[in-house]
Amino acid sequence: MLHLLHGENDLQREEALSEIIQQAGLTPDLRDLNTEVLEVPVTAAALRRACSTIPFLGDVRIVIARELLSQTKGRAANEIDEIAAYLPDLPSTAILIFCESKAIAAKNPALAQAKKLNANIQAFAVPKTKELSRWIVERTKMHQGAIDFNAAALLGQNIGPNLRLLDQEIRKLMLYCGENNPITVEAVKVMAPYIQSADVIFTVVDAIGQRNPRDAALYLHRLLEAGEHPLGIFGMIVRQFRLLIQVRWLADRRVREPDIAKRLKLHPYVTKKIRAQAQHFTPEQLRAAYQLLADSDLSIKRGLLEAEAALDLLIVQLTSL
């Protein structure tokens, strides 16, 4: 039996791999004895030997070939041609699973051969930004739960396409909300505090852009009182200004907002907020702000300033630009 799993969505690709292995019907002890994993570099001859080996005390042998079909240059391309030619002769006792971390091109000879053989071919793409909220809703359903669409959007816009982290947060939120209770925006803010912190950082930077040191300091200290580490807050501010610089640079060159979001891998809602914030600064002020951040970082690392004191000083400096 032949399977081909490919694409950058490693969470669901590996889940599909586990399901195929489970469906092989081997007991755990026999499964270990009858499973072989091949990784590059490997030859077509080695693949043939692995698939032709007689199963030990079982009916089938599982061969997992990782990244073999991604080799497309030089001698490796010839190996793929040999592998493709071998696939029709795959023994009935072998379960061969190609597992590729990138999408395989349609012209790949092994993929073309697999289609002719009616193999189990599954493509696992990472959801696009605009599809992420829907993916979160469907993933929650798969775990026998439910989530408000606004809560899913909040998770998606703050975590992005990190599918393993999103899955982890969904499971955690389901336990928090309890059986038969949907995940709400309020639950997301309580159980994923870094999301709330990210919102507060937006507010801090808004206040800095409006040259309002009082409000900026007020929101900064709310984060500190909530238990956020000063260095963690500093890192979030650095990231925010880095994004401000990138978004402003692209916007000044008339790059459309959807294209900015795609290029920087940001949620459209986040892109819109950052673009609005960037208008409060000239390019020169953003460069000066980033220099201030670099100087603060150096002062902290050299022990000239405590991190919390450096943050307070930074607020004063940034609102004075």
Protein backbone atom coordinates (compact mmCIF):
# COMPACT_ATOMS: atom_id res chain seq x y z
CA MET A 1 0.00 0.00 0.00
CA LEU A 2 1.32 3.43 -0.95
CA HIS A 3 0.77 6.76 0.81
CA LEU A 4 2.16 10.21 0.00
CA LEU A 5 1.79 12.95 2.62
CA HIS A 6 3.22 16.34 1.71
CA GLY A 7 3.02 20.01 2.69
CA GLU A 8 4.22 22.46 5.33
CA ASN A 9 1.34 21.84 7.75
CA ASP A 10 3.39 19.49 9.92
CA LEU A 11 0.73 19.20 12.64
CA GLN A 12 -1.92 17.56 10.47
CA ARG A 13 0.61 15.80 8.25
CA GLU A 14 2.11 13.98 11.22
CA GLU A 15 -1.37 13.21 12.57
CA ALA A 16 -2.22 11.58 9.23
CA LEU A 17 1.01 9.58 9.43
CA SER A 18 0.12 8.33 12.93
CA GLU A 19 -3.35 7.34 11.75
CA ILE A 20 -1.96 5.30 8.86
CA ILE A 21 0.41 3.50 11.23
CA GLN A 22 -2.44 2.78 13.66
CA GLN A 23 -4.61 1.40 10.86
CA ALA A 24 -1.88 -1.07 9.89
CA GLY A 25 -3.24 -3.29 12.66
CA LEU A 26 0.09 -4.19 14.26
CA THR A 27 0.40 -4.52 18.02
CA PRO A 28 2.80 -1.98 19.60
CA ASP A 29 5.62 -4.51 20.02
CA LEU A 30 5.32 -5.82 16.45
CA ARG A 31 4.89 -2.29 15.13
CA ASP A 32 8.35 -1.33 16.42
CA LEU A 33 9.90 -4.45 14.93
CA ASN A 34 8.25 -3.91 11.56
CA THR A 35 8.79 -0.19 11.08
CA GLU A 36 11.76 1.34 9.30
CA VAL A 37 12.38 5.04 8.79
CA LEU A 38 14.50 6.16 5.84
CA GLU A 39 15.94 9.66 5.72
CA VAL A 40 18.13 11.42 3.18
CA PRO A 41 20.55 10.61 1.80
CA VAL A 42 19.12 7.27 0.72
CA THR A 43 19.17 5.42 -2.59
CA ALA A 44 16.35 3.82 -4.54
CA ALA A 45 18.09 0.48 -3.92
CA ALA A 46 17.90 1.03 -0.15
CA LEU A 47 14.19 1.82 -0.46
CA ARG A 48 13.62 -1.39 -2.43
CA ARG A 49 15.47 -3.45 0.17
CA ALA A 50 13.45 -1.92 3.02
CA CYS A 51 10.13 -2.60 1.26
CA SER A 52 11.13 -6.13 0.22
CA THR A 53 12.14 -7.23 3.72
CA ILE A 54 9.77 -9.92 5.00
CA PRO A 55 7.62 -8.79 7.98
CA PHE A 56 8.64 -10.23 11.34
CA LEU A 57 5.78 -12.20 12.96
CA GLY A 58 3.25 -9.98 11.21
CA ASP A 59 1.45 -9.44 7.92
CA VAL A 60 2.88 -6.06 6.97
CA ARG A 61 5.99 -3.96 7.20
CA ILE A 62 5.87 -0.14 7.46
CA VAL A 63 8.49 1.92 5.64
CA ILE A 64 8.45 5.68 6.30
CA ALA A 65 10.50 7.61 3.74
CA ARG A 66 11.14 11.19 4.87
CA GLU A 67 12.10 13.96 2.42
CA LEU A 68 13.11 11.50 -0.32
CA LEU A 69 11.00 13.14 -3.00
CA SER A 70 12.28 16.66 -2.33
CA GLN A 71 15.64 15.82 -3.88
CA THR A 72 15.37 17.19 -7.41
CA LYS A 73 18.91 18.05 -8.48
CA GLY A 74 21.67 16.03 -10.06
CA ARG A 75 21.95 12.39 -9.04
CA ALA A 76 19.08 12.76 -6.57
CA ALA A 77 16.70 13.45 -9.47
CA ASN A 78 17.77 10.17 -11.07
CA GLU A 79 17.04 8.38 -7.78
CA ILE A 80 13.47 9.74 -7.86
CA ASP A 81 13.04 8.40 -11.38
CA GLU A 82 14.16 4.98 -10.11
CA ILE A 83 11.81 5.21 -7.13
CA ALA A 84 8.90 6.10 -9.41
CA ALA A 85 9.68 3.14 -11.68
CA TYR A 86 9.74 0.81 -8.65
CA LEU A 87 6.38 1.85 -7.15
CA PRO A 88 4.19 -0.43 -9.33
CA ASP A 89 6.21 -3.39 -7.98
CA LEU A 90 5.71 -2.51 -4.31
CA PRO A 91 5.13 -5.80 -2.42
CA SER A 92 1.69 -6.36 -0.88
CA THR A 93 3.39 -6.83 2.50
CA ALA A 94 4.81 -3.27 2.46
CA ILE A 95 3.13 -0.06 3.58
CA LEU A 96 5.27 2.67 2.06
CA ILE A 97 4.65 6.20 3.35
CA PHE A 98 6.40 9.14 1.74
CA CYS A 99 6.38 12.05 4.21
CA GLU A 100 7.51 15.39 2.81
CA SER A 101 7.69 18.69 4.72
CA LYS A 102 7.10 20.73 1.55
CA ALA A 103 4.53 20.48 -1.21
CA ILE A 104 5.67 18.16 -3.99
CA ALA A 105 5.53 19.60 -7.50
CA ALA A 106 2.95 18.08 -9.82
CA LYS A 107 5.68 17.16 -12.30
CA ASN A 108 7.53 15.02 -9.73
CA PRO A 109 7.68 11.54 -11.33
CA ALA A 110 6.99 9.74 -8.04
CA LEU A 111 3.86 11.85 -7.45
CA ALA A 112 2.69 11.24 -11.01
CA GLN A 113 3.22 7.50 -10.56
CA ALA A 114 1.43 7.51 -7.21
CA LYS A 115 -1.62 9.10 -8.87
CA LYS A 116 -1.65 6.39 -11.55
CA LEU A 117 -1.60 3.76 -8.80
CA ASN A 118 -4.51 5.42 -6.94
CA ALA A 119 -2.30 5.85 -3.88
CA ASN A 120 -3.47 7.72 -0.80
CA ILE A 121 -2.16 11.23 -1.58
CA GLN A 122 -2.81 13.99 0.93
CA ALA A 123 -1.59 17.59 0.72
CA PHE A 124 -1.26 19.58 3.95
CA ALA A 125 -0.96 23.32 3.38
CA VAL A 126 -0.68 25.87 6.19
CA PRO A 127 -3.93 27.90 6.19
CA LYS A 128 -3.63 31.37 4.71
CA THR A 129 -4.14 34.28 7.08
CA LYS A 130 -7.71 34.89 5.97
CA GLU A 131 -8.49 31.18 6.45
CA LEU A 132 -6.98 30.89 9.93
CA SER A 133 -10.11 31.73 11.93
CA ARG A 134 -12.08 29.09 10.06
CA TRP A 135 -9.28 26.57 10.63
CA ILE A 136 -9.43 27.28 14.39
CA VAL A 137 -13.21 26.78 14.40
CA GLU A 138 -12.90 23.47 12.54
CA ARG A 139 -10.00 22.30 14.70
CA THR A 140 -12.04 23.01 17.83
CA LYS A 141 -14.92 20.97 16.38
CA MET A 142 -12.49 18.11 15.73
CA HIS A 143 -11.67 18.17 19.45
CA GLN A 144 -15.43 17.96 20.18
CA GLY A 145 -15.63 21.60 21.23
CA ALA A 146 -16.95 24.93 19.97
CA ILE A 147 -15.48 28.42 19.76
CA ASP A 148 -17.03 31.82 19.03
CA PHE A 149 -15.80 33.14 15.69
CA ASN A 150 -14.53 36.37 17.34
CA ALA A 151 -12.53 34.29 19.81
CA ALA A 152 -11.08 32.28 16.94
CA ALA A 153 -10.17 35.52 15.15
CA LEU A 154 -8.45 36.83 18.29
CA LEU A 155 -6.37 33.67 18.58
CA GLY A 156 -5.50 33.74 14.90
CA GLN A 157 -4.51 37.39 14.70
CA ASN A 158 -2.21 37.16 17.73
CA ILE A 159 -0.66 33.71 17.33
CA GLY A 160 -0.61 33.53 13.53
CA PRO A 161 -0.15 30.28 11.56
CA ASN A 162 1.71 28.46 14.34
CA LEU A 163 -0.63 25.49 14.15
CA ARG A 164 0.89 23.47 16.98
CA LEU A 165 0.62 26.42 19.37
CA LEU A 166 -2.92 27.12 18.22
CA ASP A 167 -3.88 23.50 18.80
CA GLN A 168 -2.33 23.62 22.27
CA GLU A 169 -4.28 26.79 23.11
CA ILE A 170 -7.55 25.29 21.83
CA ARG A 171 -7.14 22.24 24.09
CA LYS A 172 -6.29 24.43 27.07
CA LEU A 173 -9.27 26.70 26.46
CA MET A 174 -11.65 23.76 26.13
CA LEU A 175 -10.58 22.46 29.53
CA TYR A 176 -11.00 25.93 31.04
CA CYS A 177 -14.47 26.51 29.58
CA GLY A 178 -15.73 23.06 30.45
CA GLU A 179 -17.72 20.49 28.53
CA ASN A 180 -20.46 21.81 26.21
CA ASN A 181 -19.40 25.46 26.76
CA PRO A 182 -18.07 27.41 23.76
CA ILE A 183 -14.76 29.22 23.97
CA THR A 184 -15.36 32.96 24.25
CA VAL A 185 -13.25 36.07 23.69
CA GLU A 186 -13.15 36.58 27.47
CA ALA A 187 -11.82 33.05 27.99
CA VAL A 188 -9.11 33.61 25.37
CA LYS A 189 -7.98 36.78 27.15
CA VAL A 190 -7.88 35.04 30.53
CA MET A 191 -6.17 31.82 29.45
CA ALA A 192 -3.82 33.28 26.86
CA PRO A 193 -2.44 36.27 28.78
CA TYR A 194 0.21 37.04 26.16
CA ILE A 195 -2.68 37.93 23.85
CA GLN A 196 -3.91 40.49 26.33
CA SER A 197 -0.33 41.70 26.72
CA ALA A 198 -0.06 42.17 22.95
CA ASP A 199 -3.22 44.31 23.03
CA VAL A 200 -1.77 46.42 25.83
CA ILE A 201 1.47 46.88 23.87
CA PHE A 202 -0.60 48.27 20.99
CA THR A 203 -2.13 50.72 23.48
CA VAL A 204 1.30 51.70 24.83
CA VAL A 205 2.58 52.39 21.31
CA ASP A 206 -0.63 54.31 20.51
CA ALA A 207 0.06 56.55 23.49
CA ILE A 208 3.70 56.97 22.42
CA GLY A 209 2.55 57.93 18.92
CA GLN A 210 0.21 60.53 20.41
CA ARG A 211 3.15 61.82 22.53
CA ASN A 212 1.27 61.00 25.73
CA PRO A 213 3.88 59.79 28.26
CA ARG A 214 1.36 59.60 31.10
CA ASP A 215 -0.91 57.06 29.39
CA ALA A 216 2.02 55.12 27.93
CA ALA A 217 3.55 54.74 31.41
CA LEU A 218 0.16 53.84 32.89
CA TYR A 219 -0.39 50.94 30.48
CA LEU A 220 3.23 49.88 30.76
CA HIS A 221 2.89 49.51 34.54
CA ARG A 222 -0.35 47.58 34.14
CA LEU A 223 1.68 44.92 32.36
CA LEU A 224 4.29 44.95 35.11
CA GLU A 225 1.61 44.67 37.81
CA ALA A 226 0.06 41.75 35.91
CA GLY A 227 3.36 39.89 36.29
CA GLU A 228 4.90 40.43 32.86
CA HIS A 229 8.70 40.36 33.04
CA PRO A 230 10.30 43.72 32.11
CA LEU A 231 12.52 42.05 29.52
CA GLY A 232 9.48 40.39 27.97
CA ILE A 233 7.77 43.77 27.70
CA PHE A 234 10.92 45.27 26.22
CA GLY A 235 10.99 42.52 23.60
CA MET A 236 7.35 43.20 22.65
CA ILE A 237 8.04 46.93 22.26
CA VAL A 238 11.08 46.18 20.08
CA ARG A 239 8.99 43.86 17.90
CA GLN A 240 6.25 46.49 17.58
CA PHE A 241 8.66 49.19 16.42
CA ARG A 242 10.34 46.78 14.02
CA LEU A 243 6.94 46.12 12.47
CA LEU A 244 6.18 49.85 12.40
CA ILE A 245 9.37 50.45 10.41
CA GLN A 246 8.65 47.61 7.99
CA VAL A 247 5.00 48.54 7.45
CA ARG A 248 5.82 52.24 7.02
CA TRP A 249 8.58 51.46 4.51
CA LEU A 250 6.27 49.27 2.44
CA ALA A 251 3.31 51.66 2.68
CA ASP A 252 5.50 54.57 1.53
CA ARG A 253 6.29 52.51 -1.56
CA ARG A 254 2.57 52.07 -2.22
CA VAL A 255 2.45 48.41 -1.37
CA ARG A 256 -1.19 47.49 -0.78
CA GLU A 257 -2.29 46.54 2.74
CA PRO A 258 -3.18 42.91 1.84
CA ASP A 259 0.25 42.53 0.23
CA ILE A 260 1.94 43.99 3.32
CA ALA A 261 0.11 41.45 5.49
CA LYS A 262 1.16 38.62 3.19
CA ARG A 263 4.79 39.73 2.97
CA LEU A 264 5.19 40.20 6.73
CA LYS A 265 2.96 37.21 7.60
CA LEU A 266 0.62 39.34 9.68
CA HIS A 267 -3.10 39.12 10.24
CA PRO A 268 -4.91 41.80 8.15
CA TYR A 269 -6.41 43.31 11.32
CA VAL A 270 -2.96 43.63 12.90
CA THR A 271 -1.55 45.11 9.69
CA LYS A 272 -4.28 47.73 9.63
CA LYS A 273 -3.59 48.74 13.25
CA ILE A 274 0.17 48.95 12.72
CA ARG A 275 -0.24 50.96 9.53
CA ALA A 276 -2.43 53.46 11.42
CA GLN A 277 0.17 53.69 14.21
CA ALA A 278 2.99 54.21 11.72
CA GLN A 279 1.37 57.41 10.50
CA HIS A 280 2.17 59.03 13.87
CA PHE A 281 5.90 58.81 13.09
CA THR A 282 8.10 60.05 10.29
CA PRO A 283 10.64 57.56 8.89
CA GLU A 284 13.36 59.56 10.65
CA GLN A 285 11.54 59.31 13.98
CA LEU A 286 11.13 55.56 13.57
CA ARG A 287 14.86 55.18 12.92
CA ALA A 288 15.59 57.33 15.99
CA ALA A 289 13.17 55.20 18.05
CA TYR A 290 14.92 52.01 16.99
CA GLN A 291 18.28 53.52 17.95
CA LEU A 292 16.86 54.36 21.39
CA LEU A 293 15.72 50.75 21.74
CA ALA A 294 19.19 49.51 20.79
CA ASP A 295 20.79 51.87 23.34
CA SER A 296 18.37 50.71 26.06
CA ASP A 297 19.12 47.09 25.27
CA LEU A 298 22.84 47.76 25.61
CA SER A 299 22.36 49.60 28.92
CA ILE A 300 20.38 46.68 30.34
CA LYS A 301 22.91 44.08 29.18
CA ARG A 302 25.83 46.07 30.58
CA GLY A 303 24.07 46.46 33.92
CA LEU A 304 23.93 50.24 33.67
CA LEU A 305 20.14 50.22 34.15
CA GLU A 306 17.62 47.83 35.63
CA ALA A 307 15.15 46.65 32.98
CA GLU A 308 12.16 48.33 34.63
CA ALA A 309 14.00 51.66 34.96
CA ALA A 310 15.11 51.37 31.33
CA LEU A 311 11.47 50.96 30.27
CA ASP A 312 10.38 54.07 32.16
CA LEU A 313 13.22 56.09 30.62
CA LEU A 314 12.37 54.69 27.20
CA ILE A 315 8.78 55.93 27.45
CA VAL A 316 10.00 59.45 28.16
CA GLN A 317 12.48 59.34 25.28
CA LEU A 318 10.08 57.88 22.73
CA THR A 319 7.29 60.33 23.51
CA SER A 320 9.79 63.19 23.08
CA LEU A 321 10.70 62.31 19.49
